[in-house]
Amino acid sequence: MKKIEKELKAIYDPAKSFYKKAYIINYYDKYNITNKTELKSYNTIICYLKDSKIHFKYNDINNKKIYSMTTLRHIKEFIKQKYYYLELNYKNIINKEKLTKKDIKKLIDEGR
């Protein structure tokens, strides 16, 4: 399996850049077809896209608020680039500083 890592570019986010703090990692099979895409924020794999579904990796199974505001921006950019029609809105987030698993699921479900 081949792996290619590239910096996440700010397309939908108003920032000029994420300053090498977020990366997209694509994994290719022997036919050079992408079979998994990961988002890495601050050297941590946050989520991955496989079989057209987004899967989040969590450090804490107790549903504590686990994402910083910057990592949330990375997640939003990643999701919007993969699902351009999905609109994530800060108003849907309870704390506005961090995002829980339930918040993410709700945002993704609302966008479909």
N, C-alpha and C. Protein backbone atom coordinates (compact mmCIF):
# COMPACT_ATOMS: atom_id res chain seq x y z
N MET A 1 0.85 -1.17 0.00
CA MET A 1 0.00 0.00 0.00
C MET A 1 0.89 1.24 0.00
N LYS A 2 0.58 2.19 -0.86
CA LYS A 2 1.34 3.42 -0.98
C LYS A 2 0.66 4.50 -0.14
N LYS A 3 1.48 5.34 0.48
CA LYS A 3 0.97 6.40 1.35
C LYS A 3 1.55 7.74 0.89
N ILE A 4 0.67 8.73 0.69
CA ILE A 4 1.13 10.07 0.30
C ILE A 4 0.52 11.08 1.27
N GLU A 5 1.37 11.90 1.87
CA GLU A 5 0.93 12.90 2.83
C GLU A 5 1.14 14.30 2.23
N LYS A 6 0.10 15.14 2.33
CA LYS A 6 0.23 16.51 1.84
C LYS A 6 -0.47 17.46 2.80
N GLU A 7 -0.04 18.67 2.78
CA GLU A 7 -0.60 19.68 3.68
C GLU A 7 -2.06 19.97 3.32
N LEU A 8 -2.90 20.14 4.34
CA LEU A 8 -4.29 20.52 4.12
C LEU A 8 -4.32 21.99 3.72
N LYS A 9 -4.85 22.27 2.57
CA LYS A 9 -4.95 23.65 2.07
C LYS A 9 -6.26 24.27 2.53
N ALA A 10 -6.22 25.54 2.85
CA ALA A 10 -7.42 26.28 3.26
C ALA A 10 -8.15 26.74 2.01
N ILE A 11 -9.23 26.06 1.67
CA ILE A 11 -10.04 26.43 0.50
C ILE A 11 -11.31 27.15 0.96
N TYR A 12 -12.02 26.56 1.91
CA TYR A 12 -13.28 27.13 2.40
C TYR A 12 -13.06 27.99 3.63
N ASP A 13 -12.03 27.72 4.39
CA ASP A 13 -11.71 28.48 5.59
C ASP A 13 -11.12 29.83 5.18
N PRO A 14 -11.45 30.90 5.89
CA PRO A 14 -10.93 32.22 5.52
C PRO A 14 -9.42 32.40 5.74
N ALA A 15 -8.80 31.49 6.46
CA ALA A 15 -7.35 31.60 6.69
C ALA A 15 -6.60 31.40 5.38
N LYS A 16 -5.45 32.03 5.26
CA LYS A 16 -4.61 31.84 4.07
C LYS A 16 -4.02 30.44 4.06
N SER A 17 -3.71 29.94 5.24
CA SER A 17 -3.04 28.65 5.36
C SER A 17 -3.29 28.10 6.77
N PHE A 18 -3.03 26.80 6.92
CA PHE A 18 -3.06 26.19 8.25
C PHE A 18 -1.64 26.04 8.80
N TYR A 19 -0.69 26.61 8.10
CA TYR A 19 0.70 26.71 8.56
C TYR A 19 1.30 25.37 8.98
N LYS A 20 1.09 24.38 8.13
CA LYS A 20 1.66 23.03 8.31
C LYS A 20 1.26 22.38 9.63
N LYS A 21 0.06 22.67 10.07
CA LYS A 21 -0.46 22.05 11.29
C LYS A 21 -1.51 20.99 10.99
N ALA A 22 -1.89 20.88 9.71
CA ALA A 22 -2.89 19.89 9.30
C ALA A 22 -2.47 19.26 7.98
N TYR A 23 -2.64 17.94 7.90
CA TYR A 23 -2.24 17.19 6.72
C TYR A 23 -3.31 16.19 6.33
N ILE A 24 -3.35 15.89 5.05
CA ILE A 24 -4.21 14.84 4.52
C ILE A 24 -3.28 13.71 4.08
N ILE A 25 -3.60 12.49 4.51
CA ILE A 25 -2.80 11.32 4.15
C ILE A 25 -3.68 10.39 3.33
N ASN A 26 -3.27 10.14 2.11
CA ASN A 26 -4.00 9.23 1.23
C ASN A 26 -3.26 7.90 1.15
N TYR A 27 -4.02 6.82 1.24
CA TYR A 27 -3.48 5.47 1.10
C TYR A 27 -4.03 4.88 -0.19
N TYR A 28 -3.14 4.34 -1.00
CA TYR A 28 -3.52 3.80 -2.31
C TYR A 28 -3.29 2.30 -2.35
N ASP A 29 -4.17 1.59 -3.03
CA ASP A 29 -3.99 0.15 -3.20
C ASP A 29 -3.05 -0.12 -4.37
N LYS A 30 -2.88 -1.36 -4.72
CA LYS A 30 -1.93 -1.72 -5.78
C LYS A 30 -2.37 -1.23 -7.15
N TYR A 31 -3.64 -0.84 -7.30
CA TYR A 31 -4.13 -0.29 -8.56
C TYR A 31 -4.12 1.23 -8.57
N ASN A 32 -3.50 1.81 -7.55
CA ASN A 32 -3.36 3.26 -7.39
C ASN A 32 -4.70 3.95 -7.18
N ILE A 33 -5.61 3.27 -6.49
CA ILE A 33 -6.91 3.82 -6.15
C ILE A 33 -6.90 4.13 -4.65
N THR A 34 -7.39 5.31 -4.30
CA THR A 34 -7.42 5.69 -2.89
C THR A 34 -8.42 4.82 -2.16
N ASN A 35 -7.97 4.17 -1.08
CA ASN A 35 -8.91 3.36 -0.31
C ASN A 35 -9.10 3.89 1.11
N LYS A 36 -8.31 4.91 1.49
CA LYS A 36 -8.47 5.53 2.80
C LYS A 36 -7.79 6.89 2.78
N THR A 37 -8.43 7.88 3.40
CA THR A 37 -7.87 9.22 3.52
C THR A 37 -7.99 9.66 4.96
N GLU A 38 -6.87 10.08 5.55
CA GLU A 38 -6.85 10.49 6.96
C GLU A 38 -6.61 11.99 7.08
N LEU A 39 -7.13 12.56 8.17
CA LEU A 39 -6.83 13.93 8.54
C LEU A 39 -5.93 13.90 9.76
N LYS A 40 -4.79 14.56 9.65
CA LYS A 40 -3.87 14.67 10.77
C LYS A 40 -3.79 16.13 11.18
N SER A 41 -4.10 16.41 12.44
CA SER A 41 -4.06 17.76 12.98
C SER A 41 -3.11 17.75 14.17
N TYR A 42 -2.13 18.63 14.15
CA TYR A 42 -1.13 18.68 15.22
C TYR A 42 -0.53 17.30 15.51
N ASN A 43 -0.13 16.61 14.45
CA ASN A 43 0.52 15.30 14.54
C ASN A 43 -0.34 14.20 15.15
N THR A 44 -1.66 14.37 15.12
CA THR A 44 -2.58 13.37 15.63
C THR A 44 -3.60 13.05 14.55
N ILE A 45 -3.80 11.77 14.28
CA ILE A 45 -4.84 11.38 13.32
C ILE A 45 -6.19 11.61 14.00
N ILE A 46 -6.99 12.48 13.42
CA ILE A 46 -8.27 12.88 14.00
C ILE A 46 -9.41 12.03 13.45
N CYS A 47 -9.43 11.89 12.13
CA CYS A 47 -10.50 11.13 11.50
C CYS A 47 -9.99 10.59 10.16
N TYR A 48 -10.78 9.69 9.59
CA TYR A 48 -10.42 9.18 8.28
C TYR A 48 -11.69 8.92 7.47
N LEU A 49 -11.51 8.96 6.18
CA LEU A 49 -12.59 8.71 5.23
C LEU A 49 -12.33 7.38 4.56
N LYS A 50 -13.28 6.47 4.70
CA LYS A 50 -13.16 5.15 4.07
C LYS A 50 -14.55 4.70 3.65
N ASP A 51 -14.66 4.21 2.44
CA ASP A 51 -15.95 3.76 1.90
C ASP A 51 -17.01 4.85 1.99
N SER A 52 -16.61 6.08 1.70
CA SER A 52 -17.50 7.25 1.71
C SER A 52 -18.10 7.56 3.07
N LYS A 53 -17.48 7.08 4.14
CA LYS A 53 -17.94 7.37 5.49
C LYS A 53 -16.79 7.98 6.28
N ILE A 54 -17.13 8.94 7.13
CA ILE A 54 -16.13 9.56 7.98
C ILE A 54 -16.13 8.86 9.33
N HIS A 55 -14.97 8.43 9.76
CA HIS A 55 -14.79 7.75 11.03
C HIS A 55 -13.86 8.61 11.89
N PHE A 56 -14.29 8.90 13.10
CA PHE A 56 -13.47 9.70 14.01
C PHE A 56 -12.72 8.80 14.97
N LYS A 57 -11.49 9.18 15.26
CA LYS A 57 -10.69 8.46 16.25
C LYS A 57 -10.72 9.27 17.52
N TYR A 58 -11.07 8.65 18.60
CA TYR A 58 -11.22 9.36 19.87
C TYR A 58 -10.22 8.86 20.88
N ASN A 59 -9.71 9.78 21.68
CA ASN A 59 -8.83 9.41 22.79
C ASN A 59 -9.65 9.05 24.01
N ASP A 60 -10.85 9.57 24.07
CA ASP A 60 -11.65 9.45 25.28
C ASP A 60 -13.03 8.91 24.91
N ILE A 61 -13.38 7.77 25.46
CA ILE A 61 -14.68 7.18 25.13
C ILE A 61 -15.80 7.72 26.00
N ASN A 62 -15.49 8.62 26.94
CA ASN A 62 -16.51 9.17 27.83
C ASN A 62 -17.18 10.40 27.26
N ASN A 63 -16.96 10.68 25.98
CA ASN A 63 -17.61 11.79 25.29
C ASN A 63 -17.26 13.15 25.89
N LYS A 64 -16.07 13.30 26.41
CA LYS A 64 -15.63 14.62 26.86
C LYS A 64 -15.32 15.46 25.63
N LYS A 65 -15.34 16.74 25.81
CA LYS A 65 -15.03 17.62 24.68
C LYS A 65 -13.55 17.49 24.38
N ILE A 66 -13.23 17.07 23.14
CA ILE A 66 -11.87 16.65 22.85
C ILE A 66 -11.16 17.44 21.76
N TYR A 67 -11.85 18.32 21.05
CA TYR A 67 -11.20 19.03 19.95
C TYR A 67 -11.06 20.51 20.25
N SER A 68 -9.89 21.04 19.95
CA SER A 68 -9.68 22.48 20.10
C SER A 68 -10.38 23.20 18.96
N MET A 69 -10.46 24.52 19.05
CA MET A 69 -11.09 25.31 18.01
C MET A 69 -10.33 25.18 16.69
N THR A 70 -9.00 25.14 16.77
CA THR A 70 -8.20 25.03 15.54
C THR A 70 -8.38 23.66 14.90
N THR A 71 -8.38 22.61 15.69
CA THR A 71 -8.60 21.28 15.14
C THR A 71 -10.01 21.19 14.54
N LEU A 72 -10.97 21.83 15.16
CA LEU A 72 -12.32 21.88 14.59
C LEU A 72 -12.28 22.53 13.21
N ARG A 73 -11.50 23.58 13.04
CA ARG A 73 -11.38 24.22 11.73
C ARG A 73 -10.77 23.26 10.72
N HIS A 74 -9.80 22.47 11.16
CA HIS A 74 -9.21 21.47 10.27
C HIS A 74 -10.25 20.43 9.87
N ILE A 75 -11.04 19.97 10.85
CA ILE A 75 -12.09 18.98 10.58
C ILE A 75 -13.10 19.56 9.59
N LYS A 76 -13.54 20.77 9.83
CA LYS A 76 -14.52 21.40 8.95
C LYS A 76 -13.98 21.50 7.52
N GLU A 77 -12.74 21.92 7.39
CA GLU A 77 -12.14 22.06 6.06
C GLU A 77 -12.04 20.69 5.37
N PHE A 78 -11.59 19.70 6.10
CA PHE A 78 -11.46 18.34 5.55
C PHE A 78 -12.82 17.83 5.07
N ILE A 79 -13.85 17.97 5.91
CA ILE A 79 -15.17 17.48 5.55
C ILE A 79 -15.74 18.25 4.36
N LYS A 80 -15.57 19.56 4.37
CA LYS A 80 -16.09 20.35 3.26
C LYS A 80 -15.39 20.02 1.95
N GLN A 81 -14.10 19.73 2.01
CA GLN A 81 -13.40 19.36 0.78
C GLN A 81 -13.84 18.00 0.27
N LYS A 82 -14.19 17.10 1.17
CA LYS A 82 -14.64 15.78 0.75
C LYS A 82 -16.13 15.74 0.44
N TYR A 83 -16.91 16.53 1.18
CA TYR A 83 -18.36 16.64 0.97
C TYR A 83 -18.68 18.12 0.84
N TYR A 84 -18.43 18.69 -0.31
CA TYR A 84 -18.50 20.14 -0.50
C TYR A 84 -19.86 20.74 -0.16
N TYR A 85 -20.91 19.97 -0.19
CA TYR A 85 -22.25 20.50 0.10
C TYR A 85 -22.55 20.57 1.59
N LEU A 86 -21.70 19.96 2.42
CA LEU A 86 -21.96 19.89 3.86
C LEU A 86 -21.57 21.21 4.52
N GLU A 87 -22.50 21.85 5.16
CA GLU A 87 -22.25 23.12 5.84
C GLU A 87 -22.21 22.88 7.34
N LEU A 88 -21.04 23.04 7.92
CA LEU A 88 -20.90 22.93 9.37
C LEU A 88 -21.00 24.33 9.95
N ASN A 89 -21.75 24.47 11.02
CA ASN A 89 -22.01 25.79 11.56
C ASN A 89 -21.67 25.82 13.05
N TYR A 90 -20.89 26.81 13.45
CA TYR A 90 -20.50 26.94 14.86
C TYR A 90 -21.72 27.09 15.78
N LYS A 91 -22.83 27.60 15.25
CA LYS A 91 -24.02 27.78 16.09
C LYS A 91 -24.54 26.44 16.59
N ASN A 92 -24.20 25.37 15.90
CA ASN A 92 -24.65 24.04 16.30
C ASN A 92 -23.80 23.43 17.39
N ILE A 93 -22.74 24.11 17.77
CA ILE A 93 -21.81 23.57 18.76
C ILE A 93 -22.11 24.20 20.11
N ILE A 94 -22.27 23.39 21.11
CA ILE A 94 -22.68 23.86 22.43
C ILE A 94 -21.65 24.80 23.04
N ASN A 95 -20.41 24.39 23.13
CA ASN A 95 -19.38 25.14 23.85
C ASN A 95 -18.71 26.21 23.01
N LYS A 96 -18.69 26.07 21.69
CA LYS A 96 -18.03 26.95 20.74
C LYS A 96 -16.51 26.95 20.88
N GLU A 97 -15.97 26.16 21.76
CA GLU A 97 -14.52 26.03 21.85
C GLU A 97 -14.07 24.62 21.53
N LYS A 98 -14.91 23.67 21.83
CA LYS A 98 -14.55 22.28 21.59
C LYS A 98 -15.76 21.53 21.08
N LEU A 99 -15.52 20.39 20.50
CA LEU A 99 -16.58 19.63 19.86
C LEU A 99 -16.61 18.21 20.42
N THR A 100 -17.80 17.72 20.73
CA THR A 100 -17.93 16.36 21.24
C THR A 100 -18.28 15.41 20.10
N LYS A 101 -18.21 14.11 20.39
CA LYS A 101 -18.59 13.10 19.40
C LYS A 101 -20.05 13.30 18.97
N LYS A 102 -20.91 13.56 19.93
CA LYS A 102 -22.33 13.76 19.61
C LYS A 102 -22.51 14.99 18.72
N ASP A 103 -21.76 16.06 18.99
CA ASP A 103 -21.84 17.26 18.16
C ASP A 103 -21.45 16.96 16.72
N ILE A 104 -20.36 16.20 16.56
CA ILE A 104 -19.88 15.88 15.22
C ILE A 104 -20.93 15.05 14.48
N LYS A 105 -21.46 14.04 15.16
CA LYS A 105 -22.47 13.20 14.51
C LYS A 105 -23.69 14.03 14.11
N LYS A 106 -24.11 14.91 14.99
CA LYS A 106 -25.25 15.76 14.70
C LYS A 106 -24.97 16.66 13.50
N LEU A 107 -23.79 17.25 13.45
CA LEU A 107 -23.45 18.13 12.33
C LEU A 107 -23.42 17.36 11.02
N ILE A 108 -22.85 16.17 11.04
CA ILE A 108 -22.77 15.37 9.82
C ILE A 108 -24.17 14.92 9.41
N ASP A 109 -24.98 14.46 10.37
CA ASP A 109 -26.34 14.01 10.05
C ASP A 109 -27.19 15.15 9.51
N GLU A 110 -27.03 16.36 10.05
CA GLU A 110 -27.81 17.51 9.59
C GLU A 110 -27.42 17.89 8.17
N GLY A 111 -26.17 17.63 7.81
CA GLY A 111 -25.69 18.04 6.49
C GLY A 111 -26.10 17.13 5.37
N ARG A 112 -26.66 16.00 5.67
CA ARG A 112 -27.03 15.04 4.61
C ARG A 112 -28.46 15.14 4.23
